[in-house]
Amino acid sequence: MHRRLVAEGKLQRTWHRQACTKALSKQRIETITVLKKQRATLEKIGDVLTVTRERARQLINKLEAKEGSVVFTPNELLLTSAEAAAEVGVSQQTVSILCAKGEIPCRRRGNHSRSDYILDHAGLEALKQYVTGTCCVCGTKFTYDKKRRLAKTCSKKCQNQRITQRRQGDVAPEEDLDSLQGWHRELWLKLQKHTIPPDEHWLRWKEALEKSGISVTQLWYLRRRKILFMQPHPTIQWDEKPLMMYAGSEVELVREVYSAWLAQTNST
């Protein structure tokens, strides 16, 4: 009815759909192009454009049909964890573990905390250094199997021998220097020369996390490997167990070593 009245000249159109759509598209083209070049997810693009994931997908398909897929080609090498895993010949789970532990430089693909990781050229080169391991039994260099996440033995025979040695108590502890790599190794060496002062300021888990500047997974890894010294709180308990406290001087060392490692990695 509205279109017929406009066509007959009885009603004047107050806006032009084509001009308005063109103006909106011009503003969105740059945003979509930048985010797609950064390998962002549909959810992140939708959040930036304040639209749903489906609408973001429609806009991307429309722009791709008009300009071609070459408009979304990244200016630098950017790989997802699955693509990086296929590039170096390891499983995607292995790459995700290394990213979560902070062993290789990376960033999140989306806004969600469980979104995929994105690796640039520096991250890919750092990943290639970790795909080759040394067997803890025979000392042979080997490449990690896709089905075995960060294995410590080169074969099934060495794995069975290591299990036997562990049962007999002949294997070195997990915090041994040979089992550490990257900035964890440098941190362990510095902590061996560090002495906790008598007037040490002890930190809770949240305080240590904020002061160190590392992720929750990285702090949990340092605790699990017993790299950091911890002592129970005299009065506070958690889940009927004493709350474990972190030494402030050791947490400061973690921040210094990790910041230096990040700066060195980004510069290369």
Protein backbone atom coordinates (compact mmCIF):
# COMPACT_ATOMS: atom_id res chain seq x y z
CA MET A 1 0.00 0.00 0.00
CA HIS A 2 2.78 2.40 0.95
CA ARG A 3 4.74 1.65 -2.23
CA ARG A 4 1.63 2.11 -4.42
CA LEU A 5 0.89 5.52 -2.88
CA VAL A 6 4.50 6.58 -3.39
CA ALA A 7 4.41 5.39 -7.00
CA GLU A 8 1.18 7.33 -7.66
CA GLY A 9 2.67 10.49 -6.18
CA LYS A 10 0.11 10.74 -3.39
CA LEU A 11 2.72 10.14 -0.71
CA GLN A 12 6.27 11.49 -0.61
CA ARG A 13 9.14 9.25 0.46
CA THR A 14 10.91 10.79 3.44
CA TRP A 15 14.07 8.64 3.30
CA HIS A 16 16.08 6.76 0.70
CA ARG A 17 16.81 3.15 1.59
CA GLN A 18 19.71 2.84 -0.86
CA ALA A 19 21.53 5.96 0.38
CA CYS A 20 21.09 5.01 4.03
CA THR A 21 22.28 1.46 3.41
CA LYS A 22 25.28 2.71 1.47
CA ALA A 23 26.27 5.05 4.30
CA LEU A 24 26.02 2.27 6.87
CA SER A 25 27.95 -0.14 4.67
CA LYS A 26 30.77 2.36 4.22
CA GLN A 27 31.17 2.67 7.97
CA ARG A 28 31.03 -1.07 8.50
CA ILE A 29 33.34 -2.08 5.66
CA GLU A 30 36.48 -0.81 7.41
CA THR A 31 35.48 -2.38 10.74
CA ILE A 32 34.65 -5.75 9.19
CA THR A 33 37.81 -5.74 7.08
CA VAL A 34 40.10 -4.98 10.04
CA LEU A 35 38.49 -7.59 12.27
CA LYS A 36 38.51 -10.27 9.56
CA LYS A 37 42.18 -9.58 8.87
CA GLN A 38 42.78 -10.18 12.58
CA ARG A 39 40.99 -13.55 12.27
CA ALA A 40 38.30 -12.43 14.73
CA THR A 41 35.28 -14.65 15.38
CA LEU A 42 31.73 -13.85 14.30
CA GLU A 43 30.85 -13.27 17.94
CA LYS A 44 33.54 -10.62 18.34
CA ILE A 45 32.60 -8.92 15.06
CA GLY A 46 28.96 -8.91 16.12
CA ASP A 47 29.84 -7.36 19.47
CA VAL A 48 31.78 -4.55 17.79
CA LEU A 49 28.98 -3.87 15.26
CA THR A 50 26.27 -4.40 17.94
CA VAL A 51 24.57 -7.07 15.83
CA THR A 52 24.06 -10.80 16.15
CA ARG A 53 26.48 -13.43 14.88
CA GLU A 54 24.10 -14.28 12.03
CA ARG A 55 23.87 -10.65 10.93
CA ALA A 56 27.66 -10.36 11.08
CA ARG A 57 27.95 -13.44 8.86
CA GLN A 58 25.50 -11.92 6.36
CA LEU A 59 27.45 -8.66 6.21
CA ILE A 60 30.71 -10.55 5.70
CA ASN A 61 29.24 -12.65 2.90
CA LYS A 62 27.80 -9.54 1.26
CA LEU A 63 31.13 -7.73 1.41
CA GLU A 64 32.99 -10.81 0.17
CA ALA A 65 30.63 -11.16 -2.80
CA LYS A 66 31.14 -7.50 -3.68
CA GLU A 67 34.87 -7.05 -3.08
CA GLY A 68 36.19 -10.61 -3.21
CA SER A 69 37.84 -12.73 -0.51
CA VAL A 70 41.19 -11.02 -1.12
CA VAL A 71 39.96 -8.03 0.91
CA PHE A 72 40.11 -10.20 4.04
CA THR A 73 43.67 -11.43 3.47
CA PRO A 74 45.76 -10.62 6.61
CA ASN A 75 48.73 -8.30 6.21
CA GLU A 76 50.82 -10.69 8.36
CA LEU A 77 50.90 -14.39 9.07
CA LEU A 78 48.05 -15.23 11.46
CA LEU A 79 47.18 -18.84 12.21
CA THR A 80 44.61 -20.43 14.47
CA SER A 81 45.72 -23.14 16.88
CA ALA A 82 44.42 -25.82 14.51
CA GLU A 83 46.28 -24.34 11.53
CA ALA A 84 49.48 -23.93 13.55
CA ALA A 85 49.19 -27.53 14.76
CA ALA A 86 48.85 -28.77 11.19
CA GLU A 87 51.80 -26.61 10.14
CA VAL A 88 54.25 -28.09 12.64
CA GLY A 89 52.73 -31.58 12.85
CA VAL A 90 51.34 -31.73 16.39
CA SER A 91 47.84 -31.91 17.84
CA GLN A 92 45.69 -28.84 18.43
CA GLN A 93 45.50 -29.78 22.10
CA THR A 94 49.28 -29.53 22.37
CA VAL A 95 49.22 -26.01 20.92
CA SER A 96 46.39 -24.99 23.25
CA ILE A 97 48.33 -26.28 26.27
CA LEU A 98 51.44 -24.32 25.31
CA CYS A 99 49.37 -21.17 24.74
CA ALA A 100 47.55 -21.52 28.05
CA LYS A 101 50.84 -22.02 29.90
CA GLY A 102 52.32 -18.92 28.25
CA GLU A 103 55.14 -20.83 26.58
CA ILE A 104 54.51 -19.24 23.18
CA PRO A 105 53.26 -15.71 22.33
CA CYS A 106 49.62 -15.70 21.25
CA ARG A 107 46.30 -13.92 21.75
CA ARG A 108 42.66 -14.83 21.98
CA ARG A 109 40.63 -14.92 18.78
CA GLY A 110 37.43 -13.71 20.44
CA ASN A 111 36.21 -12.02 23.59
CA HIS A 112 35.32 -15.28 25.31
CA SER A 113 37.84 -16.74 27.74
CA ARG A 114 37.57 -20.13 26.03
CA SER A 115 37.91 -18.86 22.47
CA ASP A 116 40.59 -20.12 20.14
CA TYR A 117 44.17 -18.79 20.07
CA ILE A 118 45.81 -16.82 17.25
CA LEU A 119 49.54 -17.15 16.54
CA ASP A 120 51.64 -14.78 14.47
CA HIS A 121 55.06 -15.45 12.93
CA ALA A 122 56.83 -15.12 16.29
CA GLY A 123 54.38 -17.51 17.89
CA LEU A 124 54.81 -20.05 15.10
CA GLU A 125 58.60 -19.95 15.41
CA ALA A 126 58.34 -20.37 19.18
CA LEU A 127 56.00 -23.33 18.66
CA LYS A 128 58.51 -25.03 16.36
CA GLN A 129 61.05 -24.97 19.21
CA TYR A 130 58.69 -26.96 21.39
CA VAL A 131 57.64 -29.68 18.94
CA THR A 132 60.95 -31.46 19.37
CA GLY A 133 61.58 -33.09 22.72
CA THR A 134 64.31 -35.15 24.34
CA CYS A 135 63.45 -38.58 25.65
CA CYS A 136 63.94 -38.64 29.43
CA VAL A 137 65.00 -42.31 29.27
CA CYS A 138 67.38 -42.73 26.33
CA GLY A 139 68.09 -39.05 25.51
CA THR A 140 66.99 -39.34 21.87
CA LYS A 141 65.51 -36.32 20.08
CA PHE A 142 61.96 -36.93 18.85
CA THR A 143 58.92 -35.05 17.53
CA TYR A 144 55.78 -35.05 19.60
CA ASP A 145 53.13 -37.44 18.37
CA LYS A 146 49.74 -35.94 17.53
CA LYS A 147 48.05 -38.46 19.80
CA ARG A 148 50.38 -37.83 22.75
CA ARG A 149 50.34 -34.40 24.35
CA LEU A 150 53.85 -33.22 25.24
CA ALA A 151 55.18 -36.76 25.72
CA LYS A 152 58.47 -37.26 27.59
CA THR A 153 59.47 -40.54 25.93
CA CYS A 154 60.26 -41.32 22.31
CA SER A 155 58.65 -44.77 22.12
CA LYS A 156 56.39 -47.19 23.92
CA LYS A 157 59.41 -49.12 25.12
CA CYS A 158 60.93 -46.05 26.79
CA GLN A 159 57.55 -45.15 28.23
CA ASN A 160 57.24 -48.57 29.91
CA GLN A 161 60.81 -48.25 31.18
CA ARG A 162 60.04 -44.81 32.64
CA ILE A 163 56.96 -46.19 34.40
CA THR A 164 59.12 -48.91 35.93
CA GLN A 165 61.71 -46.36 37.04
CA ARG A 166 59.06 -44.16 38.61
CA ARG A 167 57.73 -47.06 40.58
CA GLN A 168 61.25 -47.76 41.82
CA GLY A 169 61.86 -44.06 42.60
CA ASP A 170 64.77 -43.67 40.15
CA VAL A 171 63.37 -40.72 38.19
CA ALA A 172 64.34 -37.11 38.94
CA PRO A 173 61.61 -34.87 40.43
CA GLU A 174 59.35 -32.87 38.15
CA GLU A 175 60.99 -29.57 39.12
CA ASP A 176 64.29 -30.78 37.66
CA LEU A 177 65.99 -28.25 35.37
CA ASP A 178 66.02 -30.57 32.35
CA SER A 179 62.22 -30.76 32.34
CA LEU A 180 61.76 -26.96 32.17
CA GLN A 181 61.81 -24.84 29.03
CA GLY A 182 61.45 -21.19 28.06
CA TRP A 183 61.03 -18.58 30.77
CA HIS A 184 60.21 -21.30 33.33
CA ARG A 185 63.79 -22.51 33.08
CA GLU A 186 65.23 -19.02 33.57
CA LEU A 187 62.89 -18.42 36.50
CA TRP A 188 63.92 -21.67 38.16
CA LEU A 189 67.61 -20.74 37.85
CA LYS A 190 67.03 -17.34 39.45
CA LEU A 191 64.97 -18.80 42.26
CA GLN A 192 67.80 -21.17 43.16
CA LYS A 193 69.95 -18.12 43.98
CA HIS A 194 67.12 -16.28 45.72
CA THR A 195 66.70 -16.29 49.50
CA ILE A 196 63.39 -15.40 51.12
CA PRO A 197 63.99 -12.61 53.69
CA PRO A 198 62.75 -13.02 57.28
CA ASP A 199 60.32 -10.09 56.92
CA GLU A 200 58.82 -11.48 53.72
CA HIS A 201 55.41 -10.18 52.66
CA TRP A 202 53.19 -13.18 51.88
CA LEU A 203 50.47 -12.89 49.26
CA ARG A 204 47.21 -14.66 48.69
CA TRP A 205 46.38 -16.27 45.36
CA LYS A 206 44.54 -13.24 43.92
CA GLU A 207 47.24 -10.81 45.08
CA ALA A 208 49.98 -12.99 43.58
CA LEU A 209 48.04 -13.19 40.32
CA GLU A 210 47.71 -9.40 40.03
CA LYS A 211 51.32 -8.68 41.01
CA SER A 212 52.92 -11.30 38.75
CA GLY A 213 51.02 -10.33 35.59
CA ILE A 214 50.58 -13.94 34.44
CA SER A 215 47.43 -15.93 33.80
CA VAL A 216 45.63 -18.25 36.20
CA THR A 217 46.87 -21.28 34.29
CA GLN A 218 50.49 -20.11 34.44
CA LEU A 219 50.34 -19.49 38.18
CA TRP A 220 48.71 -22.88 38.71
CA TYR A 221 51.49 -24.47 36.63
CA LEU A 222 54.22 -22.86 38.76
CA ARG A 223 52.46 -24.11 41.86
CA ARG A 224 51.96 -27.61 40.49
CA ARG A 225 55.60 -27.92 39.43
CA LYS A 226 56.66 -26.61 42.87
CA ILE A 227 58.74 -23.87 41.27
CA LEU A 228 57.43 -21.31 43.77
CA PHE A 229 57.77 -21.78 47.50
CA MET A 230 54.49 -21.67 49.42
CA GLN A 231 53.53 -21.87 53.06
CA PRO A 232 50.13 -22.33 54.76
CA HIS A 233 48.35 -19.40 56.38
CA PRO A 234 48.33 -19.72 60.18
CA THR A 235 44.61 -18.97 60.62
CA ILE A 236 42.72 -18.78 57.30
CA GLN A 237 41.43 -22.02 55.79
CA TRP A 238 39.85 -22.93 52.47
CA ASP A 239 37.80 -26.11 52.06
CA GLU A 240 38.95 -27.24 55.51
CA LYS A 241 42.60 -26.83 54.48
CA PRO A 242 45.09 -24.04 55.27
CA LEU A 243 45.18 -21.29 52.68
CA MET A 244 48.52 -21.40 50.83
CA MET A 245 50.46 -18.12 50.59
CA TYR A 246 53.01 -16.98 47.97
CA ALA A 247 56.26 -15.21 48.79
CA GLY A 248 56.11 -11.62 47.54
CA SER A 249 59.79 -11.52 46.50
CA GLU A 250 59.39 -14.68 44.40
CA VAL A 251 56.25 -13.29 42.76
CA GLU A 252 58.22 -10.15 41.87
CA LEU A 253 60.87 -12.35 40.22
CA VAL A 254 58.11 -14.04 38.22
CA ARG A 255 56.94 -10.65 36.96
CA GLU A 256 60.46 -9.57 35.96
CA VAL A 257 61.34 -12.80 34.16
CA TYR A 258 58.01 -13.07 32.36
CA SER A 259 58.05 -9.39 31.26
CA ALA A 260 61.61 -9.73 29.94
CA TRP A 261 60.67 -12.90 28.07
CA LEU A 262 57.65 -11.21 26.48
CA ALA A 263 59.72 -8.19 25.43
CA GLN A 264 62.41 -10.41 23.90
CA THR A 265 59.83 -12.52 22.07
CA ASN A 266 58.00 -9.49 20.62
CA SER A 267 61.25 -7.87 19.50
CA THR A 268 62.26 -10.96 17.51
